[in-house]
Amino acid sequence: MPTRLNLIIVLVLILTGCAQPESVYGPAEAELKRVATILNLDPLPISVTQRTAALRPNVALSETRIALTEALSLGECGLVPLIAERNSALGRQKAASTRFIYEWRIRHGLASCVEQFGDEDWFQEAMTGKAIDVEHAAYLVLFEGDEAQQLNSLLPSSYARLRDSTAAYRDAFGLITPIVLQAIEGQTAPTGEQQSTLETALKHWGNTRHHATLSQAIRQTDAWLVSANTLLTKAIDGNRLCPMKQPTTEGRQIASFIQGYFATNIQPQIADVFQSVDALDSLWMPLRDASKSIQRDATPSQLLRIEERALETLRARWAAHVQGWQTILQQCQLAPRAATTNS
C-alpha cells in the first residue's frame, strides 16, 4: 500500500508533467548560437527585462444619482428599473461588461426624454454625468475587467506563433470596437444580439493573453538584438573574416547564412513582432480618437507594459543589426550578392 510520502511524490510528478512550458516568441539562444558560430565567436547570454508596472489613473463611475421623484417622471422612457438596479448595491457589483451595458442604456433612455425634461437642471446634470459614465464604463471593460486582466496573464499562451495570437486578438477586438464606439458616441442602445456578441468577443479577446505574449516577444527580441549586435560589432572591429577586403571562405559562408538561415529563421520572427505591434496600434486607434479616457492608456507601450521608448529602441537595434551584416558583407566585397533588409 503506497505511503503518504509516495502519494505526494506521484502527485508532484503528475502536476509537473502537465505543466506547459513557457513559449518563447522572437529569436532566442539557438538563433544566437548560430550567429556566434558563423562569426567564429563565443555566444553571449540573453538578458530579458521585466515588464513595467501598470500605472493607470483612477477611472471610476460617477456618483450621479436621480432622485426617486425625478426617476418616476422618467417612467415612460423605461428607465425606472434600470435606475433602481444601477443605484442599488447589487448593481454596483456587476461585472464590468454588464455595468457598461447598463450605463449605455440609461444614457440612451435619458436622450429619448430630452424634449420633455431638457430644460430641467437635474436632467441636464444626469445627461452630462451619464455620458461620462458610459465612457468610463468602456474604459473599465477594456482595462480593468476580467478579460483585460486575462490579456496580461503569465500563463503560457495557447498559440504556438505570435502571428496566430495576433490574428485571434484582431478578430475578437474587431467585434468589440464598433460596439464600444456606438456607446461612446451616444448612438442607439445595444440590442440583445449586440450584448451577446460583446460578451462572447470579450471572452475570446481575453483568452488570447496577447498583451503578455506580445510584451514578452518584444522584450525577448530586444534582448536578443543586444547580444547579437555585440557579436557583430566584435566581428567588424576584429576584421578577421575578410582582412584583405576580399571574399574569403568565411565571408562566403556568412553570405550563405544571411540568404538562408537569417532570411528564413531570424528575419521572419522579428518581422512578426513589428507587424503585431503595428496591428495592435491600428486596432486601438479608433478608440484613442473617440475617448480621452481611453486615449492615454491605449498606446502600445502602455497596453504591453513596456518602457515608453522601448519600441523606438527596438527598431533602432534591428536597423543596426541589419547594418552590421551589410558592413561585414561590404568588408568581404559580397554585399551585392546578399539580400539583407530591415523589413
C-alpha atoms as a PDB file:
ATOM      1  CA  MET A   1       0.000   0.000   0.000  1.00  0.00           C
ATOM      2  CA  PRO A   2       1.523   3.368  -1.007  1.00  0.00           C
ATOM      3  CA  THR A   3       2.634   5.606   1.793  1.00  0.00           C
ATOM      4  CA  ARG A   4       1.559   9.238   2.161  1.00  0.00           C
ATOM      5  CA  LEU A   5       5.015  10.393   1.005  1.00  0.00           C
ATOM      6  CA  ASN A   6       4.805   8.252  -2.137  1.00  0.00           C
ATOM      7  CA  LEU A   7       1.391   9.697  -2.984  1.00  0.00           C
ATOM      8  CA  ILE A   8       2.763  13.235  -2.627  1.00  0.00           C
ATOM      9  CA  ILE A   9       5.705  12.412  -4.890  1.00  0.00           C
ATOM     10  CA  VAL A  10       3.392  10.903  -7.530  1.00  0.00           C
ATOM     11  CA  LEU A  11       1.111  13.949  -7.361  1.00  0.00           C
ATOM     12  CA  VAL A  12       4.052  16.320  -7.815  1.00  0.00           C
ATOM     13  CA  LEU A  13       5.271  14.339 -10.827  1.00  0.00           C
ATOM     14  CA  ILE A  14       1.804  14.393 -12.383  1.00  0.00           C
ATOM     15  CA  LEU A  15       1.416  18.132 -11.888  1.00  0.00           C
ATOM     16  CA  THR A  16       4.898  18.797 -13.208  1.00  0.00           C
ATOM     17  CA  GLY A  17       4.264  16.664 -16.253  1.00  0.00           C
ATOM     18  CA  CYS A  18       1.041  18.574 -17.015  1.00  0.00           C
ATOM     19  CA  ALA A  19       2.623  21.990 -16.745  1.00  0.00           C
ATOM     20  CA  GLN A  20       3.041  23.726 -20.079  1.00  0.00           C
ATOM     21  CA  PRO A  21       6.495  25.011 -20.947  1.00  0.00           C
ATOM     22  CA  GLU A  22       6.690  28.765 -21.438  1.00  0.00           C
ATOM     23  CA  SER A  23       6.581  29.716 -25.099  1.00  0.00           C
ATOM     24  CA  VAL A  24       9.379  31.868 -26.475  1.00  0.00           C
ATOM     25  CA  TYR A  25       8.441  34.408 -29.124  1.00  0.00           C
ATOM     26  CA  GLY A  26      11.270  36.024 -31.041  1.00  0.00           C
ATOM     27  CA  PRO A  27      14.800  34.718 -31.644  1.00  0.00           C
ATOM     28  CA  ALA A  28      16.440  33.005 -28.670  1.00  0.00           C
ATOM     29  CA  GLU A  29      19.549  31.039 -27.660  1.00  0.00           C
ATOM     30  CA  ALA A  30      19.514  28.714 -30.668  1.00  0.00           C
ATOM     31  CA  GLU A  31      19.494  31.598 -33.132  1.00  0.00           C
ATOM     32  CA  LEU A  32      22.178  33.482 -31.187  1.00  0.00           C
ATOM     33  CA  LYS A  33      24.393  30.405 -31.160  1.00  0.00           C
ATOM     34  CA  ARG A  34      24.109  30.188 -34.952  1.00  0.00           C
ATOM     35  CA  VAL A  35      25.138  33.843 -35.261  1.00  0.00           C
ATOM     36  CA  ALA A  36      28.093  33.324 -32.922  1.00  0.00           C
ATOM     37  CA  THR A  37      29.191  30.199 -34.808  1.00  0.00           C
ATOM     38  CA  ILE A  38      29.117  31.836 -38.230  1.00  0.00           C
ATOM     39  CA  LEU A  39      31.111  34.778 -36.831  1.00  0.00           C
ATOM     40  CA  ASN A  40      33.561  32.388 -35.099  1.00  0.00           C
ATOM     41  CA  LEU A  41      32.835  33.948 -31.700  1.00  0.00           C
ATOM     42  CA  ASP A  42      31.646  32.646 -28.346  1.00  0.00           C
ATOM     43  CA  PRO A  43      27.878  33.123 -27.781  1.00  0.00           C
ATOM     44  CA  LEU A  44      26.671  35.660 -25.228  1.00  0.00           C
ATOM     45  CA  PRO A  45      23.891  35.386 -22.657  1.00  0.00           C
ATOM     46  CA  ILE A  46      20.466  36.894 -23.356  1.00  0.00           C
ATOM     47  CA  SER A  47      19.110  39.065 -20.548  1.00  0.00           C
ATOM     48  CA  VAL A  48      15.387  39.770 -20.930  1.00  0.00           C
ATOM     49  CA  THR A  49      13.998  42.744 -18.993  1.00  0.00           C
ATOM     50  CA  GLN A  50      10.891  42.552 -16.819  1.00  0.00           C
ATOM     51  CA  ARG A  51       7.563  44.152 -17.657  1.00  0.00           C
ATOM     52  CA  THR A  52       6.909  47.569 -16.184  1.00  0.00           C
ATOM     53  CA  ALA A  53       4.112  48.106 -13.674  1.00  0.00           C
ATOM     54  CA  ALA A  54       0.730  49.251 -14.954  1.00  0.00           C
ATOM     55  CA  LEU A  55       0.305  52.846 -13.778  1.00  0.00           C
ATOM     56  CA  ARG A  56      -3.189  53.923 -14.674  1.00  0.00           C
ATOM     57  CA  PRO A  57      -5.397  56.760 -13.442  1.00  0.00           C
ATOM     58  CA  ASN A  58      -8.257  56.011 -11.088  1.00  0.00           C
ATOM     59  CA  VAL A  59     -11.143  55.885 -13.551  1.00  0.00           C
ATOM     60  CA  ALA A  60     -14.424  55.227 -11.798  1.00  0.00           C
ATOM     61  CA  LEU A  61     -18.102  55.700 -12.447  1.00  0.00           C
ATOM     62  CA  SER A  62     -19.631  58.876 -11.068  1.00  0.00           C
ATOM     63  CA  GLU A  63     -21.965  59.064  -8.129  1.00  0.00           C
ATOM     64  CA  THR A  64     -24.624  60.759 -10.264  1.00  0.00           C
ATOM     65  CA  ARG A  65     -27.999  59.774  -8.835  1.00  0.00           C
ATOM     66  CA  ILE A  66     -31.534  60.544  -9.984  1.00  0.00           C
ATOM     67  CA  ALA A  67     -33.939  61.199  -7.128  1.00  0.00           C
ATOM     68  CA  LEU A  68     -36.956  58.941  -6.779  1.00  0.00           C
ATOM     69  CA  THR A  69     -39.494  61.631  -7.687  1.00  0.00           C
ATOM     70  CA  GLU A  70     -37.495  62.569 -10.761  1.00  0.00           C
ATOM     71  CA  ALA A  71     -36.916  58.943 -11.690  1.00  0.00           C
ATOM     72  CA  LEU A  72     -40.659  58.304 -11.624  1.00  0.00           C
ATOM     73  CA  SER A  73     -41.075  61.098 -14.153  1.00  0.00           C
ATOM     74  CA  LEU A  74     -38.861  59.107 -16.493  1.00  0.00           C
ATOM     75  CA  GLY A  75     -41.109  56.075 -16.365  1.00  0.00           C
ATOM     76  CA  GLU A  76     -42.210  56.399 -19.960  1.00  0.00           C
ATOM     77  CA  CYS A  77     -38.557  56.258 -21.025  1.00  0.00           C
ATOM     78  CA  GLY A  78     -38.310  52.810 -19.467  1.00  0.00           C
ATOM     79  CA  LEU A  79     -35.613  53.875 -17.028  1.00  0.00           C
ATOM     80  CA  VAL A  80     -37.149  53.169 -13.635  1.00  0.00           C
ATOM     81  CA  PRO A  81     -35.978  49.510 -13.411  1.00  0.00           C
ATOM     82  CA  LEU A  82     -32.535  50.387 -14.741  1.00  0.00           C
ATOM     83  CA  ILE A  83     -32.077  53.349 -12.397  1.00  0.00           C
ATOM     84  CA  ALA A  84     -33.183  51.291  -9.417  1.00  0.00           C
ATOM     85  CA  GLU A  85     -30.769  48.491 -10.241  1.00  0.00           C
ATOM     86  CA  ARG A  86     -27.935  50.911 -11.044  1.00  0.00           C
ATOM     87  CA  ASN A  87     -28.390  52.704  -7.720  1.00  0.00           C
ATOM     88  CA  SER A  88     -28.527  49.505  -5.694  1.00  0.00           C
ATOM     89  CA  ALA A  89     -25.548  47.868  -4.023  1.00  0.00           C
ATOM     90  CA  LEU A  90     -26.163  44.824  -6.220  1.00  0.00           C
ATOM     91  CA  GLY A  91     -25.988  46.962  -9.343  1.00  0.00           C
ATOM     92  CA  ARG A  92     -22.665  48.460  -8.330  1.00  0.00           C
ATOM     93  CA  GLN A  93     -21.185  44.961  -8.016  1.00  0.00           C
ATOM     94  CA  LYS A  94     -21.979  43.882 -11.571  1.00  0.00           C
ATOM     95  CA  ALA A  95     -19.236  42.727 -13.907  1.00  0.00           C
ATOM     96  CA  ALA A  96     -17.561  45.469 -15.909  1.00  0.00           C
ATOM     97  CA  SER A  97     -19.229  44.499 -19.186  1.00  0.00           C
ATOM     98  CA  THR A  98     -22.687  44.360 -17.599  1.00  0.00           C
ATOM     99  CA  ARG A  99     -22.190  47.758 -15.968  1.00  0.00           C
ATOM    100  CA  PHE A 100     -21.134  49.143 -19.345  1.00  0.00           C
ATOM    101  CA  ILE A 101     -24.404  47.977 -20.917  1.00  0.00           C
ATOM    102  CA  TYR A 102     -26.401  49.470 -18.002  1.00  0.00           C
ATOM    103  CA  GLU A 103     -24.762  52.865 -18.297  1.00  0.00           C
ATOM    104  CA  TRP A 104     -25.261  52.862 -22.051  1.00  0.00           C
ATOM    105  CA  ARG A 105     -28.961  52.020 -21.776  1.00  0.00           C
ATOM    106  CA  ILE A 106     -29.553  54.653 -19.112  1.00  0.00           C
ATOM    107  CA  ARG A 107     -27.878  57.304 -21.242  1.00  0.00           C
ATOM    108  CA  HIS A 108     -29.937  56.296 -24.277  1.00  0.00           C
ATOM    109  CA  GLY A 109     -33.126  56.342 -22.229  1.00  0.00           C
ATOM    110  CA  LEU A 110     -32.369  59.823 -20.961  1.00  0.00           C
ATOM    111  CA  ALA A 111     -31.729  61.021 -24.503  1.00  0.00           C
ATOM    112  CA  SER A 112     -35.218  59.916 -25.508  1.00  0.00           C
ATOM    113  CA  CYS A 113     -36.685  62.255 -22.863  1.00  0.00           C
ATOM    114  CA  VAL A 114     -34.806  65.414 -23.848  1.00  0.00           C
ATOM    115  CA  GLU A 115     -37.916  67.111 -25.284  1.00  0.00           C
ATOM    116  CA  GLN A 116     -39.803  66.703 -22.005  1.00  0.00           C
ATOM    117  CA  PHE A 117     -37.099  67.450 -19.440  1.00  0.00           C
ATOM    118  CA  GLY A 118     -34.276  69.080 -21.383  1.00  0.00           C
ATOM    119  CA  ASP A 119     -34.710  72.403 -19.531  1.00  0.00           C
ATOM    120  CA  GLU A 120     -34.540  70.842 -16.065  1.00  0.00           C
ATOM    121  CA  ASP A 121     -31.233  71.257 -14.191  1.00  0.00           C
ATOM    122  CA  TRP A 122     -31.404  67.783 -12.690  1.00  0.00           C
ATOM    123  CA  PHE A 123     -31.940  66.299 -16.158  1.00  0.00           C
ATOM    124  CA  GLN A 124     -29.031  68.181 -17.714  1.00  0.00           C
ATOM    125  CA  GLU A 125     -26.783  67.080 -14.853  1.00  0.00           C
ATOM    126  CA  ALA A 126     -27.890  63.492 -15.317  1.00  0.00           C
ATOM    127  CA  MET A 127     -27.245  63.616 -19.074  1.00  0.00           C
ATOM    128  CA  THR A 128     -23.750  65.003 -18.584  1.00  0.00           C
ATOM    129  CA  GLY A 129     -22.952  62.526 -15.825  1.00  0.00           C
ATOM    130  CA  LYS A 130     -24.209  59.533 -17.799  1.00  0.00           C
ATOM    131  CA  ALA A 131     -22.250  60.487 -20.929  1.00  0.00           C
ATOM    132  CA  ILE A 132     -19.073  60.468 -18.842  1.00  0.00           C
ATOM    133  CA  ASP A 133     -20.117  57.259 -17.109  1.00  0.00           C
ATOM    134  CA  VAL A 134     -20.539  55.460 -20.433  1.00  0.00           C
ATOM    135  CA  GLU A 135     -17.004  56.442 -21.411  1.00  0.00           C
ATOM    136  CA  HIS A 136     -15.623  55.431 -18.026  1.00  0.00           C
ATOM    137  CA  ALA A 137     -17.552  52.148 -18.115  1.00  0.00           C
ATOM    138  CA  ALA A 138     -15.997  51.382 -21.506  1.00  0.00           C
ATOM    139  CA  TYR A 139     -12.565  52.139 -20.035  1.00  0.00           C
ATOM    140  CA  LEU A 140     -13.177  49.746 -17.138  1.00  0.00           C
ATOM    141  CA  VAL A 141     -14.168  46.964 -19.535  1.00  0.00           C
ATOM    142  CA  LEU A 142     -11.073  47.437 -21.678  1.00  0.00           C
ATOM    143  CA  PHE A 143      -8.503  47.957 -18.923  1.00  0.00           C
ATOM    144  CA  GLU A 144      -9.821  46.639 -15.614  1.00  0.00           C
ATOM    145  CA  GLY A 145     -12.354  43.927 -16.449  1.00  0.00           C
ATOM    146  CA  ASP A 146     -11.734  40.203 -16.065  1.00  0.00           C
ATOM    147  CA  GLU A 147     -10.892  39.848 -19.752  1.00  0.00           C
ATOM    148  CA  ALA A 148      -8.430  42.734 -19.609  1.00  0.00           C
ATOM    149  CA  GLN A 149      -6.706  41.008 -16.711  1.00  0.00           C
ATOM    150  CA  GLN A 150      -6.515  37.770 -18.727  1.00  0.00           C
ATOM    151  CA  LEU A 151      -4.722  39.598 -21.537  1.00  0.00           C
ATOM    152  CA  ASN A 152      -1.808  40.118 -19.157  1.00  0.00           C
ATOM    153  CA  SER A 153      -1.844  36.615 -17.697  1.00  0.00           C
ATOM    154  CA  LEU A 154       1.539  34.999 -17.113  1.00  0.00           C
ATOM    155  CA  LEU A 155       0.128  31.587 -18.052  1.00  0.00           C
ATOM    156  CA  PRO A 156       1.546  30.143 -21.293  1.00  0.00           C
ATOM    157  CA  SER A 157      -0.267  31.193 -24.446  1.00  0.00           C
ATOM    158  CA  SER A 158      -2.256  28.583 -26.338  1.00  0.00           C
ATOM    159  CA  TYR A 159      -0.844  29.940 -29.614  1.00  0.00           C
ATOM    160  CA  ALA A 160       2.398  28.499 -30.918  1.00  0.00           C
ATOM    161  CA  ARG A 161       3.164  31.503 -33.116  1.00  0.00           C
ATOM    162  CA  LEU A 162       2.876  35.220 -32.486  1.00  0.00           C
ATOM    163  CA  ARG A 163       1.045  35.739 -35.771  1.00  0.00           C
ATOM    164  CA  ASP A 164      -1.677  33.327 -34.615  1.00  0.00           C
ATOM    165  CA  SER A 165      -2.093  35.200 -31.339  1.00  0.00           C
ATOM    166  CA  THR A 166      -2.272  38.458 -33.292  1.00  0.00           C
ATOM    167  CA  ALA A 167      -4.936  37.110 -35.654  1.00  0.00           C
ATOM    168  CA  ALA A 168      -7.127  35.835 -32.803  1.00  0.00           C
ATOM    169  CA  TYR A 169      -6.797  39.164 -30.984  1.00  0.00           C
ATOM    170  CA  ARG A 170      -7.650  41.104 -34.138  1.00  0.00           C
ATOM    171  CA  ASP A 171     -10.751  39.005 -34.817  1.00  0.00           C
ATOM    172  CA  ALA A 172     -12.118  39.446 -31.291  1.00  0.00           C
ATOM    173  CA  PHE A 173     -11.259  43.120 -30.934  1.00  0.00           C
ATOM    174  CA  GLY A 174     -12.771  43.817 -34.343  1.00  0.00           C
ATOM    175  CA  LEU A 175     -16.152  42.855 -32.857  1.00  0.00           C
ATOM    176  CA  ILE A 176     -15.651  44.804 -29.626  1.00  0.00           C
ATOM    177  CA  THR A 177     -14.581  48.143 -31.112  1.00  0.00           C
ATOM    178  CA  PRO A 178     -17.725  49.092 -33.095  1.00  0.00           C
ATOM    179  CA  ILE A 179     -19.959  48.305 -30.116  1.00  0.00           C
ATOM    180  CA  VAL A 180     -17.858  50.411 -27.745  1.00  0.00           C
ATOM    181  CA  LEU A 181     -17.741  53.263 -30.264  1.00  0.00           C
ATOM    182  CA  GLN A 182     -21.500  53.080 -30.678  1.00  0.00           C
ATOM    183  CA  ALA A 183     -21.883  53.610 -26.946  1.00  0.00           C
ATOM    184  CA  ILE A 184     -19.285  56.377 -26.576  1.00  0.00           C
ATOM    185  CA  GLU A 185     -20.725  58.308 -29.499  1.00  0.00           C
ATOM    186  CA  GLY A 186     -24.209  58.230 -27.929  1.00  0.00           C
ATOM    187  CA  GLN A 187     -25.847  56.092 -30.577  1.00  0.00           C
ATOM    188  CA  THR A 188     -28.794  53.765 -30.078  1.00  0.00           C
ATOM    189  CA  ALA A 189     -28.886  51.351 -27.156  1.00  0.00           C
ATOM    190  CA  PRO A 190     -27.488  47.869 -27.735  1.00  0.00           C
ATOM    191  CA  THR A 191     -29.684  45.043 -28.895  1.00  0.00           C
ATOM    192  CA  GLY A 192     -29.690  41.722 -27.110  1.00  0.00           C
ATOM    193  CA  GLU A 193     -27.686  40.306 -30.010  1.00  0.00           C
ATOM    194  CA  GLN A 194     -25.060  43.033 -29.656  1.00  0.00           C
ATOM    195  CA  GLN A 195     -24.746  42.401 -25.944  1.00  0.00           C
ATOM    196  CA  SER A 196     -24.268  38.686 -26.616  1.00  0.00           C
ATOM    197  CA  THR A 197     -21.703  39.468 -29.327  1.00  0.00           C
ATOM    198  CA  LEU A 198     -19.818  41.734 -26.948  1.00  0.00           C
ATOM    199  CA  GLU A 199     -19.701  39.163 -24.156  1.00  0.00           C
ATOM    200  CA  THR A 200     -18.515  36.406 -26.500  1.00  0.00           C
ATOM    201  CA  ALA A 201     -15.910  38.628 -28.148  1.00  0.00           C
ATOM    202  CA  LEU A 202     -14.586  39.785 -24.785  1.00  0.00           C
ATOM    203  CA  LYS A 203     -14.141  36.174 -23.705  1.00  0.00           C
ATOM    204  CA  HIS A 204     -12.164  35.288 -26.852  1.00  0.00           C
ATOM    205  CA  TRP A 205     -10.197  38.528 -26.566  1.00  0.00           C
ATOM    206  CA  GLY A 206      -9.106  37.806 -23.010  1.00  0.00           C
ATOM    207  CA  ASN A 207      -8.281  34.189 -23.796  1.00  0.00           C
ATOM    208  CA  THR A 208      -5.660  35.249 -26.340  1.00  0.00           C
ATOM    209  CA  ARG A 209      -3.427  36.582 -23.497  1.00  0.00           C
ATOM    210  CA  HIS A 210      -1.991  38.622 -26.329  1.00  0.00           C
ATOM    211  CA  HIS A 211      -0.709  41.580 -24.324  1.00  0.00           C
ATOM    212  CA  ALA A 212       1.512  39.320 -22.249  1.00  0.00           C
ATOM    213  CA  THR A 213       2.593  37.356 -25.326  1.00  0.00           C
ATOM    214  CA  LEU A 214       3.498  40.396 -27.422  1.00  0.00           C
ATOM    215  CA  SER A 215       5.207  42.097 -24.492  1.00  0.00           C
ATOM    216  CA  GLN A 216       7.354  39.009 -23.982  1.00  0.00           C
ATOM    217  CA  ALA A 217       8.138  38.861 -27.706  1.00  0.00           C
ATOM    218  CA  ILE A 218       9.288  42.489 -27.739  1.00  0.00           C
ATOM    219  CA  ARG A 219      11.481  42.111 -24.667  1.00  0.00           C
ATOM    220  CA  GLN A 220      12.877  38.788 -25.890  1.00  0.00           C
ATOM    221  CA  THR A 221      13.690  40.204 -29.318  1.00  0.00           C
ATOM    222  CA  ASP A 222      15.269  43.331 -27.862  1.00  0.00           C
ATOM    223  CA  ALA A 223      17.490  41.294 -25.525  1.00  0.00           C
ATOM    224  CA  TRP A 224      18.489  39.037 -28.410  1.00  0.00           C
ATOM    225  CA  LEU A 225      19.430  42.006 -30.568  1.00  0.00           C
ATOM    226  CA  VAL A 226      21.561  43.479 -27.779  1.00  0.00           C
ATOM    227  CA  SER A 227      23.652  40.293 -27.653  1.00  0.00           C
ATOM    228  CA  ALA A 228      23.668  39.692 -31.414  1.00  0.00           C
ATOM    229  CA  ASN A 229      24.711  43.275 -32.144  1.00  0.00           C
ATOM    230  CA  THR A 230      27.561  42.949 -29.679  1.00  0.00           C
ATOM    231  CA  LEU A 231      28.786  39.911 -31.621  1.00  0.00           C
ATOM    232  CA  LEU A 232      28.509  41.766 -34.914  1.00  0.00           C
ATOM    233  CA  THR A 233      30.452  44.731 -33.531  1.00  0.00           C
ATOM    234  CA  LYS A 234      33.227  42.408 -32.338  1.00  0.00           C
ATOM    235  CA  ALA A 235      33.396  40.736 -35.733  1.00  0.00           C
ATOM    236  CA  ILE A 236      33.522  44.072 -37.576  1.00  0.00           C
ATOM    237  CA  ASP A 237      36.112  45.593 -35.266  1.00  0.00           C
ATOM    238  CA  GLY A 238      38.247  42.429 -35.354  1.00  0.00           C
ATOM    239  CA  ASN A 239      38.177  42.386 -39.168  1.00  0.00           C
ATOM    240  CA  ARG A 240      39.258  38.739 -39.184  1.00  0.00           C
ATOM    241  CA  LEU A 241      36.644  37.413 -41.624  1.00  0.00           C
ATOM    242  CA  CYS A 242      37.960  39.223 -44.696  1.00  0.00           C
ATOM    243  CA  PRO A 243      41.115  41.050 -43.533  1.00  0.00           C
ATOM    244  CA  MET A 244      42.259  41.844 -47.085  1.00  0.00           C
ATOM    245  CA  LYS A 245      38.797  43.165 -48.048  1.00  0.00           C
ATOM    246  CA  GLN A 246      38.450  40.301 -50.500  1.00  0.00           C
ATOM    247  CA  PRO A 247      35.999  37.364 -50.476  1.00  0.00           C
ATOM    248  CA  THR A 248      37.131  34.505 -48.261  1.00  0.00           C
ATOM    249  CA  THR A 249      35.623  31.150 -47.359  1.00  0.00           C
ATOM    250  CA  GLU A 250      34.336  32.649 -44.111  1.00  0.00           C
ATOM    251  CA  GLY A 251      32.841  35.597 -45.965  1.00  0.00           C
ATOM    252  CA  ARG A 252      31.033  33.361 -48.454  1.00  0.00           C
ATOM    253  CA  GLN A 253      29.679  31.263 -45.576  1.00  0.00           C
ATOM    254  CA  ILE A 254      28.264  34.423 -43.996  1.00  0.00           C
ATOM    255  CA  ALA A 255      26.627  35.397 -47.308  1.00  0.00           C
ATOM    256  CA  SER A 256      25.021  31.944 -47.481  1.00  0.00           C
ATOM    257  CA  PHE A 257      23.948  32.229 -43.840  1.00  0.00           C
ATOM    258  CA  ILE A 258      22.216  35.555 -44.490  1.00  0.00           C
ATOM    259  CA  GLN A 259      20.467  34.330 -47.613  1.00  0.00           C
ATOM    260  CA  GLY A 260      19.478  31.089 -45.901  1.00  0.00           C
ATOM    261  CA  TYR A 261      19.116  30.794 -42.139  1.00  0.00           C
ATOM    262  CA  PHE A 262      18.881  34.533 -41.447  1.00  0.00           C
ATOM    263  CA  ALA A 263      16.252  35.094 -44.137  1.00  0.00           C
ATOM    264  CA  THR A 264      14.105  32.086 -43.240  1.00  0.00           C
ATOM    265  CA  ASN A 265      14.501  31.825 -39.442  1.00  0.00           C
ATOM    266  CA  ILE A 266      15.560  35.090 -37.830  1.00  0.00           C
ATOM    267  CA  GLN A 267      14.113  37.793 -40.045  1.00  0.00           C
ATOM    268  CA  PRO A 268      10.540  36.355 -40.119  1.00  0.00           C
ATOM    269  CA  GLN A 269      10.403  36.149 -36.316  1.00  0.00           C
ATOM    270  CA  ILE A 270      11.392  39.782 -35.940  1.00  0.00           C
ATOM    271  CA  ALA A 271       9.045  40.822 -38.740  1.00  0.00           C
ATOM    272  CA  ASP A 272       6.198  39.118 -36.858  1.00  0.00           C
ATOM    273  CA  VAL A 273       6.961  41.236 -33.783  1.00  0.00           C
ATOM    274  CA  PHE A 274       6.850  44.508 -35.707  1.00  0.00           C
ATOM    275  CA  GLN A 275       3.727  43.508 -37.610  1.00  0.00           C
ATOM    276  CA  SER A 276       1.988  42.553 -34.363  1.00  0.00           C
ATOM    277  CA  VAL A 277       2.880  45.901 -32.801  1.00  0.00           C
ATOM    278  CA  ASP A 278       1.603  47.774 -35.851  1.00  0.00           C
ATOM    279  CA  ALA A 279      -1.620  45.752 -35.807  1.00  0.00           C
ATOM    280  CA  LEU A 280      -2.171  46.486 -32.115  1.00  0.00           C
ATOM    281  CA  ASP A 281      -1.606  50.195 -32.645  1.00  0.00           C
ATOM    282  CA  SER A 282      -4.003  50.266 -35.595  1.00  0.00           C
ATOM    283  CA  LEU A 283      -6.727  48.340 -33.749  1.00  0.00           C
ATOM    284  CA  TRP A 284      -6.752  50.770 -30.828  1.00  0.00           C
ATOM    285  CA  MET A 285      -6.550  53.952 -32.913  1.00  0.00           C
ATOM    286  CA  PRO A 286     -10.345  54.452 -33.324  1.00  0.00           C
ATOM    287  CA  LEU A 287     -10.865  54.175 -29.565  1.00  0.00           C
ATOM    288  CA  ARG A 288      -7.975  56.552 -28.837  1.00  0.00           C
ATOM    289  CA  ASP A 289      -9.549  59.077 -31.194  1.00  0.00           C
ATOM    290  CA  ALA A 290     -13.010  58.695 -29.672  1.00  0.00           C
ATOM    291  CA  SER A 291     -12.251  58.825 -25.946  1.00  0.00           C
ATOM    292  CA  LYS A 292      -9.905  60.942 -23.863  1.00  0.00           C
ATOM    293  CA  SER A 293     -10.301  58.455 -21.018  1.00  0.00           C
ATOM    294  CA  ILE A 294      -9.060  55.625 -23.221  1.00  0.00           C
ATOM    295  CA  GLN A 295      -6.507  57.653 -25.185  1.00  0.00           C
ATOM    296  CA  ARG A 296      -3.688  57.820 -22.636  1.00  0.00           C
ATOM    297  CA  ASP A 297      -3.592  54.104 -21.860  1.00  0.00           C
ATOM    298  CA  ALA A 298      -4.259  52.747 -25.358  1.00  0.00           C
ATOM    299  CA  THR A 299      -0.751  53.191 -26.763  1.00  0.00           C
ATOM    300  CA  PRO A 300       1.250  50.008 -27.431  1.00  0.00           C
ATOM    301  CA  SER A 301       3.761  50.801 -24.674  1.00  0.00           C
ATOM    302  CA  GLN A 302       1.008  51.247 -22.082  1.00  0.00           C
ATOM    303  CA  LEU A 303      -1.008  48.247 -23.228  1.00  0.00           C
ATOM    304  CA  LEU A 304       2.047  45.975 -23.239  1.00  0.00           C
ATOM    305  CA  ARG A 305       3.631  47.401 -20.079  1.00  0.00           C
ATOM    306  CA  ILE A 306       6.963  48.196 -21.646  1.00  0.00           C
ATOM    307  CA  GLU A 307       9.155  51.275 -21.390  1.00  0.00           C
ATOM    308  CA  GLU A 308       7.841  54.304 -23.265  1.00  0.00           C
ATOM    309  CA  ARG A 309      10.679  54.307 -25.822  1.00  0.00           C
ATOM    310  CA  ALA A 310      11.117  50.524 -25.957  1.00  0.00           C
ATOM    311  CA  LEU A 311       9.647  50.161 -29.449  1.00  0.00           C
ATOM    312  CA  GLU A 312      11.719  53.005 -30.825  1.00  0.00           C
ATOM    313  CA  THR A 313      14.818  51.420 -29.297  1.00  0.00           C
ATOM    314  CA  LEU A 314      13.883  48.011 -30.711  1.00  0.00           C
ATOM    315  CA  ARG A 315      13.541  49.386 -34.237  1.00  0.00           C
ATOM    316  CA  ALA A 316      16.897  51.161 -33.926  1.00  0.00           C
ATOM    317  CA  ARG A 317      18.583  47.963 -32.743  1.00  0.00           C
ATOM    318  CA  TRP A 318      17.097  45.984 -35.607  1.00  0.00           C
ATOM    319  CA  ALA A 319      18.309  48.588 -38.098  1.00  0.00           C
ATOM    320  CA  ALA A 320      21.776  48.407 -36.511  1.00  0.00           C
ATOM    321  CA  HIS A 321      21.661  44.610 -36.736  1.00  0.00           C
ATOM    322  CA  VAL A 322      20.906  44.647 -40.449  1.00  0.00           C
ATOM    323  CA  GLN A 323      23.558  47.305 -40.987  1.00  0.00           C
ATOM    324  CA  GLY A 324      26.057  45.120 -39.138  1.00  0.00           C
ATOM    325  CA  TRP A 325      25.572  42.228 -41.575  1.00  0.00           C
ATOM    326  CA  GLN A 326      25.764  44.594 -44.521  1.00  0.00           C
ATOM    327  CA  THR A 327      29.021  46.057 -43.201  1.00  0.00           C
ATOM    328  CA  ILE A 328      30.557  42.586 -42.932  1.00  0.00           C
ATOM    329  CA  LEU A 329      29.468  41.749 -46.477  1.00  0.00           C
ATOM    330  CA  GLN A 330      30.936  45.012 -47.723  1.00  0.00           C
ATOM    331  CA  GLN A 331      34.230  44.195 -45.988  1.00  0.00           C
ATOM    332  CA  CYS A 332      34.214  40.970 -47.970  1.00  0.00           C
ATOM    333  CA  GLN A 333      33.123  42.648 -51.214  1.00  0.00           C
ATOM    334  CA  LEU A 334      29.987  40.465 -51.142  1.00  0.00           C
ATOM    335  CA  ALA A 335      27.254  42.995 -50.482  1.00  0.00           C
ATOM    336  CA  PRO A 336      25.717  42.865 -53.992  1.00  0.00           C
ATOM    337  CA  ARG A 337      25.209  39.111 -53.686  1.00  0.00           C
ATOM    338  CA  ALA A 338      23.289  39.075 -50.408  1.00  0.00           C
ATOM    339  CA  ALA A 339      19.840  40.404 -49.649  1.00  0.00           C
ATOM    340  CA  THR A 340      19.578  41.935 -46.215  1.00  0.00           C
ATOM    341  CA  THR A 341      16.742  44.306 -45.480  1.00  0.00           C
ATOM    342  CA  ASN A 342      15.274  45.729 -42.306  1.00  0.00           C
ATOM    343  CA  SER A 343      11.699  44.969 -43.270  1.00  0.00           C
END
